[in-house]
N, C-alpha and C. Protein backbone atom coordinates (compact mmCIF):
# COMPACT_ATOMS: atom_id res chain seq x y z
N UNK A 1 7.43 8.81 9.10
CA UNK A 1 6.97 9.28 7.82
C UNK A 1 7.86 8.69 6.73
N UNK A 2 7.23 8.31 5.65
CA UNK A 2 7.93 7.72 4.52
C UNK A 2 7.66 8.60 3.32
N UNK A 3 8.64 9.34 2.84
CA UNK A 3 8.46 10.29 1.75
C UNK A 3 9.19 9.83 0.52
N UNK A 4 8.44 9.67 -0.56
CA UNK A 4 9.02 9.28 -1.84
C UNK A 4 8.56 10.25 -2.91
N UNK A 5 9.44 10.58 -3.82
CA UNK A 5 9.07 11.40 -4.96
C UNK A 5 9.62 10.77 -6.21
N UNK A 6 8.85 10.79 -7.27
CA UNK A 6 9.37 10.24 -8.52
C UNK A 6 8.30 9.75 -9.44
N UNK A 7 8.70 8.97 -10.43
CA UNK A 7 7.78 8.49 -11.44
C UNK A 7 7.71 6.97 -11.45
N UNK A 8 8.16 6.31 -10.40
CA UNK A 8 8.17 4.85 -10.35
C UNK A 8 6.79 4.25 -10.54
N UNK A 9 6.76 3.00 -10.89
CA UNK A 9 5.47 2.35 -11.15
C UNK A 9 4.67 2.15 -9.87
N UNK A 10 5.32 1.77 -8.76
CA UNK A 10 4.67 1.64 -7.46
C UNK A 10 5.62 2.17 -6.40
N UNK A 11 5.12 3.03 -5.52
CA UNK A 11 5.97 3.66 -4.52
C UNK A 11 6.14 2.80 -3.27
N UNK A 12 5.05 2.18 -2.78
CA UNK A 12 5.14 1.29 -1.63
C UNK A 12 4.31 0.07 -1.97
N UNK A 13 4.97 -1.11 -2.01
CA UNK A 13 4.28 -2.32 -2.44
C UNK A 13 4.56 -3.48 -1.49
N UNK A 14 3.49 -4.19 -1.12
CA UNK A 14 3.59 -5.46 -0.43
C UNK A 14 3.08 -6.48 -1.44
N UNK A 15 3.95 -7.39 -1.88
CA UNK A 15 3.58 -8.28 -2.98
C UNK A 15 3.08 -9.65 -2.54
N UNK A 16 3.43 -10.08 -1.32
CA UNK A 16 2.93 -11.38 -0.85
C UNK A 16 3.23 -11.57 0.62
N UNK A 17 2.47 -12.50 1.23
CA UNK A 17 2.72 -12.96 2.59
C UNK A 17 3.43 -14.30 2.48
N UNK A 18 4.55 -14.46 3.15
CA UNK A 18 5.35 -15.68 3.01
C UNK A 18 4.70 -16.91 3.61
N UNK A 19 4.03 -16.77 4.75
CA UNK A 19 3.39 -17.91 5.40
C UNK A 19 2.34 -17.41 6.37
N UNK A 20 1.38 -18.25 6.72
CA UNK A 20 0.36 -17.90 7.70
C UNK A 20 -0.44 -16.68 7.29
N UNK A 21 -0.80 -15.89 8.29
CA UNK A 21 -1.55 -14.65 8.06
C UNK A 21 -0.64 -13.48 8.32
N UNK A 22 -0.41 -12.68 7.29
CA UNK A 22 0.41 -11.48 7.44
C UNK A 22 -0.42 -10.35 8.00
N UNK A 23 0.16 -9.57 8.91
CA UNK A 23 -0.51 -8.41 9.48
C UNK A 23 0.41 -7.22 9.30
N UNK A 24 -0.11 -6.16 8.72
CA UNK A 24 0.71 -5.02 8.34
C UNK A 24 0.01 -3.73 8.71
N UNK A 25 0.76 -2.77 9.27
CA UNK A 25 0.25 -1.43 9.55
C UNK A 25 1.01 -0.45 8.68
N UNK A 26 0.28 0.31 7.88
CA UNK A 26 0.88 1.34 7.02
C UNK A 26 0.19 2.64 7.39
N UNK A 27 0.87 3.47 8.18
CA UNK A 27 0.25 4.69 8.69
C UNK A 27 1.21 5.87 8.61
N UNK A 28 0.66 7.03 8.35
CA UNK A 28 1.41 8.28 8.42
C UNK A 28 2.47 8.47 7.35
N UNK A 29 2.26 7.93 6.16
CA UNK A 29 3.23 8.06 5.08
C UNK A 29 2.82 9.14 4.09
N UNK A 30 3.79 9.70 3.41
CA UNK A 30 3.54 10.68 2.35
C UNK A 30 4.17 10.17 1.07
N UNK A 31 3.35 10.05 0.03
CA UNK A 31 3.81 9.61 -1.28
C UNK A 31 3.42 10.69 -2.27
N UNK A 32 4.37 11.15 -3.04
CA UNK A 32 4.11 12.20 -4.04
C UNK A 32 4.74 11.78 -5.36
N UNK A 33 3.91 11.60 -6.37
CA UNK A 33 4.39 11.17 -7.67
C UNK A 33 4.42 12.31 -8.67
N UNK A 34 4.51 11.92 -9.93
CA UNK A 34 4.49 12.89 -11.03
C UNK A 34 3.43 12.47 -12.05
N UNK A 35 2.30 12.00 -11.55
CA UNK A 35 1.18 11.66 -12.41
C UNK A 35 1.13 10.23 -12.89
N UNK A 36 2.09 9.40 -12.51
CA UNK A 36 2.13 8.01 -12.96
C UNK A 36 2.09 7.07 -11.77
N UNK A 37 1.83 5.80 -12.06
CA UNK A 37 2.02 4.73 -11.09
C UNK A 37 0.97 4.62 -10.01
N UNK A 38 1.30 3.80 -9.00
CA UNK A 38 0.43 3.47 -7.87
C UNK A 38 1.12 3.95 -6.60
N UNK A 39 0.37 4.58 -5.72
CA UNK A 39 0.93 5.04 -4.45
C UNK A 39 1.19 3.91 -3.48
N UNK A 40 0.14 3.16 -3.11
CA UNK A 40 0.23 2.06 -2.16
C UNK A 40 -0.40 0.82 -2.79
N UNK A 41 0.29 -0.31 -2.74
CA UNK A 41 -0.22 -1.54 -3.34
C UNK A 41 -0.07 -2.69 -2.35
N UNK A 42 -1.19 -3.38 -2.09
CA UNK A 42 -1.21 -4.49 -1.15
C UNK A 42 -1.71 -5.74 -1.85
N UNK A 43 -0.88 -6.79 -1.88
CA UNK A 43 -1.26 -8.08 -2.46
C UNK A 43 -0.90 -9.17 -1.46
N UNK A 44 -1.64 -10.26 -1.45
CA UNK A 44 -1.42 -11.28 -0.42
C UNK A 44 -0.67 -12.50 -0.91
N UNK A 45 -0.59 -12.76 -2.18
CA UNK A 45 0.00 -13.99 -2.66
C UNK A 45 -0.88 -15.16 -2.29
N UNK A 46 -0.29 -16.30 -1.90
CA UNK A 46 -1.05 -17.51 -1.59
C UNK A 46 -1.59 -17.53 -0.17
N UNK A 47 -1.15 -16.63 0.70
CA UNK A 47 -1.55 -16.64 2.10
C UNK A 47 -2.44 -15.43 2.41
N UNK A 48 -2.89 -15.34 3.65
CA UNK A 48 -3.77 -14.26 4.08
C UNK A 48 -2.98 -13.00 4.40
N UNK A 49 -3.59 -11.83 4.18
CA UNK A 49 -2.98 -10.56 4.54
C UNK A 49 -4.04 -9.61 5.04
N UNK A 50 -3.80 -9.05 6.24
CA UNK A 50 -4.65 -8.01 6.80
C UNK A 50 -3.80 -6.74 6.91
N UNK A 51 -4.31 -5.65 6.35
CA UNK A 51 -3.58 -4.39 6.33
C UNK A 51 -4.41 -3.32 7.03
N UNK A 52 -3.79 -2.65 8.00
CA UNK A 52 -4.37 -1.44 8.57
C UNK A 52 -3.68 -0.28 7.88
N UNK A 53 -4.46 0.52 7.19
CA UNK A 53 -3.91 1.62 6.41
C UNK A 53 -4.68 2.89 6.74
N UNK A 54 -3.98 3.87 7.34
CA UNK A 54 -4.64 5.12 7.71
C UNK A 54 -3.64 6.25 7.80
N UNK A 55 -4.12 7.46 7.64
CA UNK A 55 -3.28 8.64 7.82
C UNK A 55 -2.21 8.81 6.76
N UNK A 56 -2.37 8.17 5.61
CA UNK A 56 -1.39 8.29 4.52
C UNK A 56 -1.83 9.39 3.55
N UNK A 57 -0.88 10.18 3.11
CA UNK A 57 -1.15 11.23 2.14
C UNK A 57 -0.52 10.80 0.81
N UNK A 58 -1.36 10.51 -0.17
CA UNK A 58 -0.90 10.07 -1.49
C UNK A 58 -1.41 11.07 -2.51
N UNK A 59 -0.49 11.63 -3.32
CA UNK A 59 -0.90 12.62 -4.31
C UNK A 59 -0.10 12.47 -5.59
N UNK A 60 -0.69 12.95 -6.67
CA UNK A 60 -0.03 13.03 -7.97
C UNK A 60 0.43 11.67 -8.50
N UNK A 61 -0.38 10.63 -8.27
CA UNK A 61 -0.15 9.32 -8.86
C UNK A 61 -1.42 8.94 -9.63
N UNK A 62 -1.31 7.98 -10.52
CA UNK A 62 -2.48 7.55 -11.30
C UNK A 62 -3.50 6.84 -10.41
N UNK A 63 -3.03 5.93 -9.53
CA UNK A 63 -3.90 5.19 -8.62
C UNK A 63 -3.38 5.36 -7.20
N UNK A 64 -4.21 5.91 -6.31
CA UNK A 64 -3.77 6.13 -4.93
C UNK A 64 -3.45 4.84 -4.20
N UNK A 65 -4.40 3.87 -4.25
CA UNK A 65 -4.21 2.63 -3.51
C UNK A 65 -4.81 1.48 -4.31
N UNK A 66 -4.04 0.40 -4.41
CA UNK A 66 -4.47 -0.81 -5.10
C UNK A 66 -4.50 -1.94 -4.08
N UNK A 67 -5.66 -2.57 -3.92
CA UNK A 67 -5.82 -3.66 -2.95
C UNK A 67 -6.17 -4.93 -3.71
N UNK A 68 -5.29 -5.92 -3.61
CA UNK A 68 -5.47 -7.18 -4.32
C UNK A 68 -6.60 -8.03 -3.78
N UNK A 69 -7.01 -8.98 -4.57
CA UNK A 69 -8.08 -9.91 -4.19
C UNK A 69 -7.75 -10.64 -2.90
N UNK A 70 -8.71 -10.68 -1.98
CA UNK A 70 -8.55 -11.42 -0.74
C UNK A 70 -7.83 -10.68 0.37
N UNK A 71 -7.29 -9.48 0.11
CA UNK A 71 -6.64 -8.69 1.16
C UNK A 71 -7.72 -8.04 2.02
N UNK A 72 -7.58 -8.14 3.33
CA UNK A 72 -8.51 -7.50 4.26
C UNK A 72 -7.90 -6.15 4.63
N UNK A 73 -8.63 -5.07 4.32
CA UNK A 73 -8.15 -3.72 4.57
C UNK A 73 -9.00 -3.09 5.66
N UNK A 74 -8.34 -2.58 6.72
CA UNK A 74 -9.06 -1.94 7.82
C UNK A 74 -8.49 -0.55 8.07
N UNK A 75 -9.28 0.28 8.75
CA UNK A 75 -8.84 1.63 9.09
C UNK A 75 -8.15 1.68 10.45
N UNK A 76 -8.17 0.58 11.18
CA UNK A 76 -7.54 0.55 12.50
C UNK A 76 -8.46 1.15 13.57
N UNK A 77 -7.90 1.33 14.76
CA UNK A 77 -8.69 1.89 15.86
C UNK A 77 -8.08 3.17 16.35
């Protein structure tokens, strides 16, 4: 579990994949804000990124999840 509290602009951010195809699992996290910012943000940069994102509890932020152009988002199995 990943628990963050605060007013930061983004609580958990992946900003780019360094090379090839990035594969990321983000599961079972708790993010609690104070009405501002983004809970989870996934961006791929110049390379490919596949994200499995499930079971996350995000509350009290302006945007729960931000998925950048070209990012493949799955719920997993």
